[in-house]
Amino acid sequence: LDADGYVKLHRTMGTGVASMSGFSLTTPGLGLYASAFIEDYAVIQRSVISQLVGGPEQGSDKEIASRADTPRLLVVHILRLLDRQSLLRLSSSSGPTTRYYNVSPKLRRLIR
């Protein structure tokens, strides 16, 4: 999973499994999990995108999660995917809230 970019291993001194102190799930890893195990993941994606298209040009993951009635973890994941596609921008704050801005009009095409 690490070699394919789905998780990021946190390593310590040593070899083998003993050298792994933990791991982080990456954006592609969460996407793979969500598409395989979260029922209606595509519907959730469209709902989040609809909230972005129909809402203000900037806001937070909390606001989108509330309006779309979707867990924040999935909202942040979808925002990161859209940021990677340059369909919006995310602020680089160090706090627990993810803020978005500069929503592209191209997002409308994704909800059709």
PDB file of N, CA and C in Angstrom:
ATOM      1  N   LEU A   1       0.818  -1.201   0.000  1.00  0.00           N
ATOM      2  CA  LEU A   1       0.000   0.000   0.000  1.00  0.00           C
ATOM      3  C   LEU A   1       0.860   1.262   0.000  1.00  0.00           C
ATOM      4  N   ASP A   2       1.967   1.203   0.730  1.00  0.00           N
ATOM      5  CA  ASP A   2       2.879   2.338   0.768  1.00  0.00           C
ATOM      6  C   ASP A   2       3.497   2.569  -0.605  1.00  0.00           C
ATOM      7  N   ALA A   3       3.931   1.513  -1.255  1.00  0.00           N
ATOM      8  CA  ALA A   3       4.574   1.635  -2.564  1.00  0.00           C
ATOM      9  C   ALA A   3       3.625   2.210  -3.609  1.00  0.00           C
ATOM     10  N   ASP A   4       2.335   1.963  -3.465  1.00  0.00           N
ATOM     11  CA  ASP A   4       1.343   2.472  -4.418  1.00  0.00           C
ATOM     12  C   ASP A   4       0.773   3.820  -4.012  1.00  0.00           C
ATOM     13  N   GLY A   5       1.218   4.364  -2.883  1.00  0.00           N
ATOM     14  CA  GLY A   5       0.796   5.695  -2.467  1.00  0.00           C
ATOM     15  C   GLY A   5      -0.528   5.765  -1.737  1.00  0.00           C
ATOM     16  N   TYR A   6      -1.052   4.629  -1.270  1.00  0.00           N
ATOM     17  CA  TYR A   6      -2.330   4.629  -0.560  1.00  0.00           C
ATOM     18  C   TYR A   6      -2.183   4.930   0.925  1.00  0.00           C
ATOM     19  N   VAL A   7      -1.016   4.620   1.472  1.00  0.00           N
ATOM     20  CA  VAL A   7      -0.699   4.974   2.857  1.00  0.00           C
ATOM     21  C   VAL A   7       0.713   5.528   2.890  1.00  0.00           C
ATOM     22  N   LYS A   8       0.984   6.287   3.922  1.00  0.00           N
ATOM     23  CA  LYS A   8       2.348   6.780   4.138  1.00  0.00           C
ATOM     24  C   LYS A   8       2.818   6.180   5.454  1.00  0.00           C
ATOM     25  N   LEU A   9       3.866   5.383   5.383  1.00  0.00           N
ATOM     26  CA  LEU A   9       4.391   4.732   6.577  1.00  0.00           C
ATOM     27  C   LEU A   9       5.245   5.699   7.377  1.00  0.00           C
ATOM     28  N   HIS A  10       5.119   5.619   8.688  1.00  0.00           N
ATOM     29  CA  HIS A  10       5.964   6.385   9.598  1.00  0.00           C
ATOM     30  C   HIS A  10       6.971   5.393  10.164  1.00  0.00           C
ATOM     31  N   ARG A  11       8.214   5.565   9.788  1.00  0.00           N
ATOM     32  CA  ARG A  11       9.241   4.576  10.126  1.00  0.00           C
ATOM     33  C   ARG A  11      10.121   5.032  11.280  1.00  0.00           C
ATOM     34  N   THR A  12      10.673   4.034  11.953  1.00  0.00           N
ATOM     35  CA  THR A  12      11.658   4.256  13.008  1.00  0.00           C
ATOM     36  C   THR A  12      12.905   3.465  12.633  1.00  0.00           C
ATOM     37  N   MET A  13      13.886   3.476  13.492  1.00  0.00           N
ATOM     38  CA  MET A  13      15.097   2.696  13.222  1.00  0.00           C
ATOM     39  C   MET A  13      14.749   1.213  13.292  1.00  0.00           C
ATOM     40  N   GLY A  14      15.295   0.439  12.414  1.00  0.00           N
ATOM     41  CA  GLY A  14      15.058  -0.996  12.416  1.00  0.00           C
ATOM     42  C   GLY A  14      14.679  -1.481  11.035  1.00  0.00           C
ATOM     43  N   THR A  15      14.261  -2.731  10.968  1.00  0.00           N
ATOM     44  CA  THR A  15      13.869  -3.313   9.690  1.00  0.00           C
ATOM     45  C   THR A  15      12.535  -4.011   9.833  1.00  0.00           C
ATOM     46  N   GLY A  16      11.895  -4.257   8.699  1.00  0.00           N
ATOM     47  CA  GLY A  16      10.641  -4.995   8.680  1.00  0.00           C
ATOM     48  C   GLY A  16       9.508  -4.242   9.357  1.00  0.00           C
ATOM     49  N   VAL A  17       8.529  -4.995   9.833  1.00  0.00           N
ATOM     50  CA  VAL A  17       7.351  -4.414  10.472  1.00  0.00           C
ATOM     51  C   VAL A  17       7.730  -3.679  11.748  1.00  0.00           C
ATOM     52  N   ALA A  18       8.764  -4.126  12.416  1.00  0.00           N
ATOM     53  CA  ALA A  18       9.196  -3.474  13.651  1.00  0.00           C
ATOM     54  C   ALA A  18       9.642  -2.031  13.417  1.00  0.00           C
ATOM     55  N   SER A  19      10.036  -1.712  12.179  1.00  0.00           N
ATOM     56  CA  SER A  19      10.495  -0.357  11.890  1.00  0.00           C
ATOM     57  C   SER A  19       9.336   0.600  11.592  1.00  0.00           C
ATOM     58  N   MET A  20       8.108   0.095  11.587  1.00  0.00           N
ATOM     59  CA  MET A  20       6.955   0.936  11.288  1.00  0.00           C
ATOM     60  C   MET A  20       6.257   1.326  12.587  1.00  0.00           C
ATOM     61  N   SER A  21       6.225   2.628  12.893  1.00  0.00           N
ATOM     62  CA  SER A  21       5.567   3.065  14.120  1.00  0.00           C
ATOM     63  C   SER A  21       4.108   3.432  13.877  1.00  0.00           C
ATOM     64  N   GLY A  22       3.726   3.569  12.630  1.00  0.00           N
ATOM     65  CA  GLY A  22       2.350   3.900  12.293  1.00  0.00           C
ATOM     66  C   GLY A  22       2.254   4.246  10.823  1.00  0.00           C
ATOM     67  N   PHE A  23       1.062   4.697  10.420  1.00  0.00           N
ATOM     68  CA  PHE A  23       0.863   5.083   9.034  1.00  0.00           C
ATOM     69  C   PHE A  23      -0.233   6.135   8.964  1.00  0.00           C
ATOM     70  N   SER A  24      -0.243   6.841   7.845  1.00  0.00           N
ATOM     71  CA  SER A  24      -1.283   7.825   7.547  1.00  0.00           C
ATOM     72  C   SER A  24      -1.958   7.414   6.253  1.00  0.00           C
ATOM     73  N   LEU A  25      -3.242   7.556   6.200  1.00  0.00           N
ATOM     74  CA  LEU A  25      -3.988   7.291   4.985  1.00  0.00           C
ATOM     75  C   LEU A  25      -3.849   8.501   4.070  1.00  0.00           C
ATOM     76  N   THR A  26      -3.488   8.286   2.816  1.00  0.00           N
ATOM     77  CA  THR A  26      -3.320   9.381   1.868  1.00  0.00           C
ATOM     78  C   THR A  26      -4.650   9.688   1.187  1.00  0.00           C
ATOM     79  N   THR A  27      -4.701  10.778   0.457  1.00  0.00           N
ATOM     80  CA  THR A  27      -5.920  11.130  -0.288  1.00  0.00           C
ATOM     81  C   THR A  27      -6.296  10.021  -1.271  1.00  0.00           C
ATOM     82  N   PRO A  28      -5.362   9.486  -2.066  1.00  0.00           N
ATOM     83  CA  PRO A  28      -5.734   8.366  -2.935  1.00  0.00           C
ATOM     84  C   PRO A  28      -6.179   7.128  -2.150  1.00  0.00           C
ATOM     85  N   GLY A  29      -5.576   6.891  -0.992  1.00  0.00           N
ATOM     86  CA  GLY A  29      -5.968   5.749  -0.165  1.00  0.00           C
ATOM     87  C   GLY A  29      -7.385   5.883   0.349  1.00  0.00           C
ATOM     88  N   LEU A  30      -7.743   7.065   0.807  1.00  0.00           N
ATOM     89  CA  LEU A  30      -9.108   7.292   1.279  1.00  0.00           C
ATOM     90  C   LEU A  30     -10.086   7.202   0.120  1.00  0.00           C
ATOM     91  N   GLY A  31      -9.686   7.681  -1.052  1.00  0.00           N
ATOM     92  CA  GLY A  31     -10.552   7.581  -2.230  1.00  0.00           C
ATOM     93  C   GLY A  31     -10.829   6.134  -2.604  1.00  0.00           C
ATOM     94  N   LEU A  32      -9.798   5.310  -2.570  1.00  0.00           N
ATOM     95  CA  LEU A  32      -9.960   3.888  -2.872  1.00  0.00           C
ATOM     96  C   LEU A  32     -10.884   3.224  -1.855  1.00  0.00           C
ATOM     97  N   TYR A  33     -10.668   3.525  -0.588  1.00  0.00           N
ATOM     98  CA  TYR A  33     -11.519   2.967   0.472  1.00  0.00           C
ATOM     99  C   TYR A  33     -12.972   3.424   0.295  1.00  0.00           C
ATOM    100  N   ALA A  34     -13.156   4.722   0.093  1.00  0.00           N
ATOM    101  CA  ALA A  34     -14.508   5.280  -0.002  1.00  0.00           C
ATOM    102  C   ALA A  34     -15.267   4.689  -1.186  1.00  0.00           C
ATOM    103  N   SER A  35     -14.614   4.597  -2.327  1.00  0.00           N
ATOM    104  CA  SER A  35     -15.312   4.075  -3.503  1.00  0.00           C
ATOM    105  C   SER A  35     -15.657   2.594  -3.350  1.00  0.00           C
ATOM    106  N   ALA A  36     -14.893   1.874  -2.553  1.00  0.00           N
ATOM    107  CA  ALA A  36     -15.149   0.446  -2.366  1.00  0.00           C
ATOM    108  C   ALA A  36     -16.123   0.152  -1.224  1.00  0.00           C
ATOM    109  N   PHE A  37     -16.120   0.965  -0.162  1.00  0.00           N
ATOM    110  CA  PHE A  37     -16.855   0.595   1.038  1.00  0.00           C
ATOM    111  C   PHE A  37     -17.925   1.582   1.509  1.00  0.00           C
ATOM    112  N   ILE A  38     -17.970   2.770   0.930  1.00  0.00           N
ATOM    113  CA  ILE A  38     -18.988   3.731   1.357  1.00  0.00           C
ATOM    114  C   ILE A  38     -20.101   3.732   0.322  1.00  0.00           C
ATOM    115  N   GLU A  39     -21.243   3.264   0.771  1.00  0.00           N
ATOM    116  CA  GLU A  39     -22.394   3.207  -0.119  1.00  0.00           C
ATOM    117  C   GLU A  39     -22.751   4.625  -0.570  1.00  0.00           C
ATOM    118  N   ASP A  40     -23.081   4.779  -1.816  1.00  0.00           N
ATOM    119  CA  ASP A  40     -23.475   6.075  -2.394  1.00  0.00           C
ATOM    120  C   ASP A  40     -22.359   7.110  -2.362  1.00  0.00           C
ATOM    121  N   TYR A  41     -21.109   6.677  -2.448  1.00  0.00           N
ATOM    122  CA  TYR A  41     -19.990   7.620  -2.444  1.00  0.00           C
ATOM    123  C   TYR A  41     -20.105   8.607  -3.602  1.00  0.00           C
ATOM    124  N   ALA A  42     -20.502   8.138  -4.779  1.00  0.00           N
ATOM    125  CA  ALA A  42     -20.662   9.030  -5.932  1.00  0.00           C
ATOM    126  C   ALA A  42     -21.752  10.067  -5.674  1.00  0.00           C
ATOM    127  N   VAL A  43     -22.818   9.662  -4.998  1.00  0.00           N
ATOM    128  CA  VAL A  43     -23.911  10.582  -4.656  1.00  0.00           C
ATOM    129  C   VAL A  43     -23.394  11.633  -3.657  1.00  0.00           C
ATOM    130  N   ILE A  44     -22.588  11.199  -2.713  1.00  0.00           N
ATOM    131  CA  ILE A  44     -22.008  12.119  -1.722  1.00  0.00           C
ATOM    132  C   ILE A  44     -21.109  13.135  -2.430  1.00  0.00           C
ATOM    133  N   GLN A  45     -20.295  12.673  -3.367  1.00  0.00           N
ATOM    134  CA  GLN A  45     -19.427  13.587  -4.118  1.00  0.00           C
ATOM    135  C   GLN A  45     -20.258  14.644  -4.846  1.00  0.00           C
ATOM    136  N   ARG A  46     -21.317  14.204  -5.536  1.00  0.00           N
ATOM    137  CA  ARG A  46     -22.173  15.160  -6.253  1.00  0.00           C
ATOM    138  C   ARG A  46     -22.840  16.138  -5.299  1.00  0.00           C
ATOM    139  N   SER A  47     -23.226  15.675  -4.130  1.00  0.00           N
ATOM    140  CA  SER A  47     -23.866  16.543  -3.143  1.00  0.00           C
ATOM    141  C   SER A  47     -22.896  17.623  -2.665  1.00  0.00           C
ATOM    142  N   VAL A  48     -21.666  17.242  -2.369  1.00  0.00           N
ATOM    143  CA  VAL A  48     -20.656  18.209  -1.929  1.00  0.00           C
ATOM    144  C   VAL A  48     -20.373  19.207  -3.048  1.00  0.00           C
ATOM    145  N   ILE A  49     -20.211  18.717  -4.266  1.00  0.00           N
ATOM    146  CA  ILE A  49     -19.947  19.608  -5.399  1.00  0.00           C
ATOM    147  C   ILE A  49     -21.127  20.548  -5.626  1.00  0.00           C
ATOM    148  N   SER A  50     -22.336  20.052  -5.473  1.00  0.00           N
ATOM    149  CA  SER A  50     -23.528  20.907  -5.615  1.00  0.00           C
ATOM    150  C   SER A  50     -23.516  22.027  -4.591  1.00  0.00           C
ATOM    151  N   GLN A  51     -23.100  21.721  -3.377  1.00  0.00           N
ATOM    152  CA  GLN A  51     -23.016  22.747  -2.341  1.00  0.00           C
ATOM    153  C   GLN A  51     -21.948  23.787  -2.683  1.00  0.00           C
ATOM    154  N   LEU A  52     -20.868  23.341  -3.279  1.00  0.00           N
ATOM    155  CA  LEU A  52     -19.812  24.273  -3.685  1.00  0.00           C
ATOM    156  C   LEU A  52     -20.278  25.171  -4.820  1.00  0.00           C
ATOM    157  N   VAL A  53     -20.960  24.575  -5.787  1.00  0.00           N
ATOM    158  CA  VAL A  53     -21.428  25.328  -6.956  1.00  0.00           C
ATOM    159  C   VAL A  53     -22.531  26.306  -6.563  1.00  0.00           C
ATOM    160  N   GLY A  54     -23.439  25.869  -5.699  1.00  0.00           N
ATOM    161  CA  GLY A  54     -24.581  26.693  -5.335  1.00  0.00           C
ATOM    162  C   GLY A  54     -24.345  27.626  -4.166  1.00  0.00           C
ATOM    163  N   GLY A  55     -23.202  27.517  -3.531  1.00  0.00           N
ATOM    164  CA  GLY A  55     -22.934  28.309  -2.343  1.00  0.00           C
ATOM    165  C   GLY A  55     -21.974  29.444  -2.613  1.00  0.00           C
ATOM    166  N   PRO A  56     -21.467  30.024  -1.545  1.00  0.00           N
ATOM    167  CA  PRO A  56     -20.504  31.128  -1.705  1.00  0.00           C
ATOM    168  C   PRO A  56     -19.190  30.630  -2.307  1.00  0.00           C
ATOM    169  N   GLU A  57     -18.426  31.549  -2.870  1.00  0.00           N
ATOM    170  CA  GLU A  57     -17.170  31.185  -3.516  1.00  0.00           C
ATOM    171  C   GLU A  57     -16.075  30.808  -2.528  1.00  0.00           C
ATOM    172  N   GLN A  58     -16.319  31.028  -1.256  1.00  0.00           N
ATOM    173  CA  GLN A  58     -15.356  30.605  -0.240  1.00  0.00           C
ATOM    174  C   GLN A  58     -16.121  30.178   1.002  1.00  0.00           C
ATOM    175  N   GLY A  59     -15.491  29.320   1.776  1.00  0.00           N
ATOM    176  CA  GLY A  59     -16.127  28.820   2.987  1.00  0.00           C
ATOM    177  C   GLY A  59     -15.259  27.766   3.641  1.00  0.00           C
ATOM    178  N   SER A  60     -15.901  26.918   4.440  1.00  0.00           N
ATOM    179  CA  SER A  60     -15.149  25.902   5.174  1.00  0.00           C
ATOM    180  C   SER A  60     -15.763  24.524   4.997  1.00  0.00           C
ATOM    181  N   ASP A  61     -14.965  23.536   5.342  1.00  0.00           N
ATOM    182  CA  ASP A  61     -15.448  22.161   5.281  1.00  0.00           C
ATOM    183  C   ASP A  61     -16.635  21.955   6.221  1.00  0.00           C
ATOM    184  N   LYS A  62     -16.632  22.643   7.362  1.00  0.00           N
ATOM    185  CA  LYS A  62     -17.735  22.523   8.323  1.00  0.00           C
ATOM    186  C   LYS A  62     -19.054  22.965   7.695  1.00  0.00           C
ATOM    187  N   GLU A  63     -19.010  24.083   6.981  1.00  0.00           N
ATOM    188  CA  GLU A  63     -20.228  24.602   6.348  1.00  0.00           C
ATOM    189  C   GLU A  63     -20.749  23.633   5.288  1.00  0.00           C
ATOM    190  N   ILE A  64     -19.857  23.125   4.458  1.00  0.00           N
ATOM    191  CA  ILE A  64     -20.257  22.180   3.404  1.00  0.00           C
ATOM    192  C   ILE A  64     -20.793  20.897   4.026  1.00  0.00           C
ATOM    193  N   ALA A  65     -20.119  20.388   5.048  1.00  0.00           N
ATOM    194  CA  ALA A  65     -20.559  19.153   5.707  1.00  0.00           C
ATOM    195  C   ALA A  65     -21.958  19.316   6.281  1.00  0.00           C
ATOM    196  N   SER A  66     -22.222  20.458   6.865  1.00  0.00           N
ATOM    197  CA  SER A  66     -23.541  20.719   7.445  1.00  0.00           C
ATOM    198  C   SER A  66     -24.606  20.789   6.358  1.00  0.00           C
ATOM    199  N   ARG A  67     -24.342  21.549   5.303  1.00  0.00           N
ATOM    200  CA  ARG A  67     -25.337  21.711   4.240  1.00  0.00           C
ATOM    201  C   ARG A  67     -25.552  20.423   3.451  1.00  0.00           C
ATOM    202  N   ALA A  68     -24.499  19.635   3.259  1.00  0.00           N
ATOM    203  CA  ALA A  68     -24.612  18.390   2.491  1.00  0.00           C
ATOM    204  C   ALA A  68     -24.955  17.194   3.367  1.00  0.00           C
ATOM    205  N   ASP A  69     -25.002  17.412   4.682  1.00  0.00           N
ATOM    206  CA  ASP A  69     -25.266  16.333   5.642  1.00  0.00           C
ATOM    207  C   ASP A  69     -24.313  15.155   5.399  1.00  0.00           C
ATOM    208  N   THR A  70     -23.026  15.490   5.386  1.00  0.00           N
ATOM    209  CA  THR A  70     -21.962  14.538   5.072  1.00  0.00           C
ATOM    210  C   THR A  70     -20.858  14.661   6.122  1.00  0.00           C
ATOM    211  N   PRO A  71     -20.246  13.555   6.537  1.00  0.00           N
ATOM    212  CA  PRO A  71     -19.136  13.643   7.490  1.00  0.00           C
ATOM    213  C   PRO A  71     -18.006  14.526   6.972  1.00  0.00           C
ATOM    214  N   ARG A  72     -17.434  15.306   7.868  1.00  0.00           N
ATOM    215  CA  ARG A  72     -16.361  16.235   7.493  1.00  0.00           C
ATOM    216  C   ARG A  72     -15.173  15.523   6.863  1.00  0.00           C
ATOM    217  N   LEU A  73     -14.856  14.340   7.311  1.00  0.00           N
ATOM    218  CA  LEU A  73     -13.728  13.601   6.743  1.00  0.00           C
ATOM    219  C   LEU A  73     -13.910  13.432   5.237  1.00  0.00           C
ATOM    220  N   LEU A  74     -15.115  13.065   4.816  1.00  0.00           N
ATOM    221  CA  LEU A  74     -15.374  12.898   3.389  1.00  0.00           C
ATOM    222  C   LEU A  74     -15.371  14.236   2.654  1.00  0.00           C
ATOM    223  N   VAL A  75     -15.890  15.275   3.296  1.00  0.00           N
ATOM    224  CA  VAL A  75     -15.893  16.601   2.672  1.00  0.00           C
ATOM    225  C   VAL A  75     -14.457  17.067   2.443  1.00  0.00           C
ATOM    226  N   VAL A  76     -13.612  16.942   3.453  1.00  0.00           N
ATOM    227  CA  VAL A  76     -12.210  17.355   3.306  1.00  0.00           C
ATOM    228  C   VAL A  76     -11.538  16.532   2.212  1.00  0.00           C
ATOM    229  N   HIS A  77     -11.819  15.250   2.167  1.00  0.00           N
ATOM    230  CA  HIS A  77     -11.254  14.386   1.131  1.00  0.00           C
ATOM    231  C   HIS A  77     -11.662  14.882  -0.262  1.00  0.00           C
ATOM    232  N   ILE A  78     -12.933  15.161  -0.448  1.00  0.00           N
ATOM    233  CA  ILE A  78     -13.430  15.631  -1.746  1.00  0.00           C
ATOM    234  C   ILE A  78     -12.832  16.998  -2.082  1.00  0.00           C
ATOM    235  N   LEU A  79     -12.717  17.877  -1.096  1.00  0.00           N
ATOM    236  CA  LEU A  79     -12.089  19.180  -1.333  1.00  0.00           C
ATOM    237  C   LEU A  79     -10.640  19.006  -1.789  1.00  0.00           C
ATOM    238  N   ARG A  80      -9.922  18.069  -1.183  1.00  0.00           N
ATOM    239  CA  ARG A  80      -8.530  17.822  -1.578  1.00  0.00           C
ATOM    240  C   ARG A  80      -8.449  17.295  -3.011  1.00  0.00           C
ATOM    241  N   LEU A  81      -9.371  16.417  -3.371  1.00  0.00           N
ATOM    242  CA  LEU A  81      -9.398  15.914  -4.742  1.00  0.00           C
ATOM    243  C   LEU A  81      -9.643  17.047  -5.734  1.00  0.00           C
ATOM    244  N   LEU A  82     -10.583  17.925  -5.413  1.00  0.00           N
ATOM    245  CA  LEU A  82     -10.901  19.044  -6.294  1.00  0.00           C
ATOM    246  C   LEU A  82      -9.739  20.029  -6.366  1.00  0.00           C
ATOM    247  N   ASP A  83      -9.042  20.204  -5.257  1.00  0.00           N
ATOM    248  CA  ASP A  83      -7.860  21.075  -5.245  1.00  0.00           C
ATOM    249  C   ASP A  83      -6.774  20.501  -6.153  1.00  0.00           C
ATOM    250  N   ARG A  84      -6.581  19.197  -6.120  1.00  0.00           N
ATOM    251  CA  ARG A  84      -5.580  18.550  -6.976  1.00  0.00           C
ATOM    252  C   ARG A  84      -5.910  18.733  -8.449  1.00  0.00           C
ATOM    253  N   GLN A  85      -7.203  18.867  -8.758  1.00  0.00           N
ATOM    254  CA  GLN A  85      -7.633  19.058 -10.148  1.00  0.00           C
ATOM    255  C   GLN A  85      -7.720  20.546 -10.512  1.00  0.00           C
ATOM    256  N   SER A  86      -7.293  21.408  -9.598  1.00  0.00           N
ATOM    257  CA  SER A  86      -7.334  22.870  -9.785  1.00  0.00           C
ATOM    258  C   SER A  86      -8.753  23.386 -10.012  1.00  0.00           C
ATOM    259  N   LEU A  87      -9.741  22.745  -9.368  1.00  0.00           N
ATOM    260  CA  LEU A  87     -11.130  23.181  -9.481  1.00  0.00           C
ATOM    261  C   LEU A  87     -11.537  24.080  -8.322  1.00  0.00           C
ATOM    262  N   LEU A  88     -10.681  24.194  -7.335  1.00  0.00           N
ATOM    263  CA  LEU A  88     -10.809  25.142  -6.239  1.00  0.00           C
ATOM    264  C   LEU A  88      -9.463  25.216  -5.563  1.00  0.00           C
ATOM    265  N   ARG A  89      -9.338  26.074  -4.602  1.00  0.00           N
ATOM    266  CA  ARG A  89      -8.095  26.207  -3.844  1.00  0.00           C
ATOM    267  C   ARG A  89      -8.404  26.008  -2.370  1.00  0.00           C
ATOM    268  N   LEU A  90      -7.449  25.447  -1.654  1.00  0.00           N
ATOM    269  CA  LEU A  90      -7.566  25.258  -0.216  1.00  0.00           C
ATOM    270  C   LEU A  90      -6.553  26.140   0.489  1.00  0.00           C
ATOM    271  N   SER A  91      -6.972  26.694   1.613  1.00  0.00           N
ATOM    272  CA  SER A  91      -6.026  27.493   2.388  1.00  0.00           C
ATOM    273  C   SER A  91      -5.126  26.562   3.175  1.00  0.00           C
ATOM    274  N   SER A  92      -3.970  27.026   3.504  1.00  0.00           N
ATOM    275  CA  SER A  92      -3.008  26.193   4.229  1.00  0.00           C
ATOM    276  C   SER A  92      -2.962  26.615   5.696  1.00  0.00           C
ATOM    277  N   SER A  93      -4.085  26.508   6.362  1.00  0.00           N
ATOM    278  CA  SER A  93      -4.119  26.839   7.789  1.00  0.00           C
ATOM    279  C   SER A  93      -3.668  25.635   8.601  1.00  0.00           C
ATOM    280  N   SER A  94      -3.181  25.883   9.772  1.00  0.00           N
ATOM    281  CA  SER A  94      -2.706  24.788  10.620  1.00  0.00           C
ATOM    282  C   SER A  94      -3.790  24.314  11.579  1.00  0.00           C
ATOM    283  N   GLY A  95      -4.961  24.904  11.529  1.00  0.00           N
ATOM    284  CA  GLY A  95      -6.049  24.525  12.429  1.00  0.00           C
ATOM    285  C   GLY A  95      -6.848  23.346  11.900  1.00  0.00           C
ATOM    286  N   PRO A  96      -7.888  22.983  12.633  1.00  0.00           N
ATOM    287  CA  PRO A  96      -8.680  21.817  12.255  1.00  0.00           C
ATOM    288  C   PRO A  96      -9.667  22.073  11.122  1.00  0.00           C
ATOM    289  N   THR A  97      -9.855  23.323  10.729  1.00  0.00           N
ATOM    290  CA  THR A  97     -10.822  23.647   9.691  1.00  0.00           C
ATOM    291  C   THR A  97     -10.126  23.837   8.354  1.00  0.00           C
ATOM    292  N   THR A  98     -10.669  23.198   7.319  1.00  0.00           N
ATOM    293  CA  THR A  98     -10.158  23.369   5.967  1.00  0.00           C
ATOM    294  C   THR A  98     -11.012  24.417   5.272  1.00  0.00           C
ATOM    295  N   ARG A  99     -10.378  25.438   4.763  1.00  0.00           N
ATOM    296  CA  ARG A  99     -11.091  26.515   4.085  1.00  0.00           C
ATOM    297  C   ARG A  99     -10.823  26.425   2.584  1.00  0.00           C
ATOM    298  N   TYR A 100     -11.871  26.676   1.812  1.00  0.00           N
ATOM    299  CA  TYR A 100     -11.740  26.657   0.363  1.00  0.00           C
ATOM    300  C   TYR A 100     -12.068  28.038  -0.198  1.00  0.00           C
ATOM    301  N   TYR A 101     -11.581  28.316  -1.406  1.00  0.00           N
ATOM    302  CA  TYR A 101     -11.859  29.569  -2.100  1.00  0.00           C
ATOM    303  C   TYR A 101     -11.604  29.357  -3.583  1.00  0.00           C
ATOM    304  N   ASN A 102     -11.922  30.338  -4.380  1.00  0.00           N
ATOM    305  CA  ASN A 102     -11.666  30.309  -5.816  1.00  0.00           C
ATOM    306  C   ASN A 102     -12.288  29.071  -6.478  1.00  0.00           C
ATOM    307  N   VAL A 103     -13.583  28.869  -6.256  1.00  0.00           N
ATOM    308  CA  VAL A 103     -14.295  27.725  -6.834  1.00  0.00           C
ATOM    309  C   VAL A 103     -14.438  27.950  -8.341  1.00  0.00           C
ATOM    310  N   SER A 104     -14.018  26.978  -9.121  1.00  0.00           N
ATOM    311  CA  SER A 104     -14.061  27.088 -10.576  1.00  0.00           C
ATOM    312  C   SER A 104     -15.465  26.845 -11.113  1.00  0.00           C
ATOM    313  N   PRO A 105     -15.871  27.579 -12.130  1.00  0.00           N
ATOM    314  CA  PRO A 105     -17.161  27.314 -12.775  1.00  0.00           C
ATOM    315  C   PRO A 105     -17.195  25.943 -13.451  1.00  0.00           C
ATOM    316  N   LYS A 106     -16.032  25.353 -13.696  1.00  0.00           N
ATOM    317  CA  LYS A 106     -15.965  24.023 -14.310  1.00  0.00           C
ATOM    318  C   LYS A 106     -16.608  22.951 -13.434  1.00  0.00           C
ATOM    319  N   LEU A 107     -16.775  23.247 -12.145  1.00  0.00           N
ATOM    320  CA  LEU A 107     -17.393  22.261 -11.239  1.00  0.00           C
ATOM    321  C   LEU A 107     -18.814  21.918 -11.659  1.00  0.00           C
ATOM    322  N   ARG A 108     -19.517  22.847 -12.289  1.00  0.00           N
ATOM    323  CA  ARG A 108     -20.894  22.585 -12.735  1.00  0.00           C
ATOM    324  C   ARG A 108     -20.959  21.367 -13.642  1.00  0.00           C
ATOM    325  N   ARG A 109     -19.927  21.163 -14.437  1.00  0.00           N
ATOM    326  CA  ARG A 109     -19.908  20.005 -15.356  1.00  0.00           C
ATOM    327  C   ARG A 109     -19.862  18.671 -14.615  1.00  0.00           C
ATOM    328  N   LEU A 110     -19.308  18.675 -13.421  1.00  0.00           N
ATOM    329  CA  LEU A 110     -19.170  17.430 -12.667  1.00  0.00           C
ATOM    330  C   LEU A 110     -20.469  16.954 -12.035  1.00  0.00           C
ATOM    331  N   ILE A 111     -21.474  17.817 -11.948  1.00  0.00           N
ATOM    332  CA  ILE A 111     -22.717  17.406 -11.295  1.00  0.00           C
ATOM    333  C   ILE A 111     -23.794  17.038 -12.310  1.00  0.00           C
ATOM    334  N   ARG A 112     -23.470  17.065 -13.567  1.00  0.00           N
ATOM    335  CA  ARG A 112     -24.450  16.681 -14.603  1.00  0.00           C
ATOM    336  C   ARG A 112     -24.478  15.204 -14.790  1.00  0.00           C
TER     337      ARG A 112
END
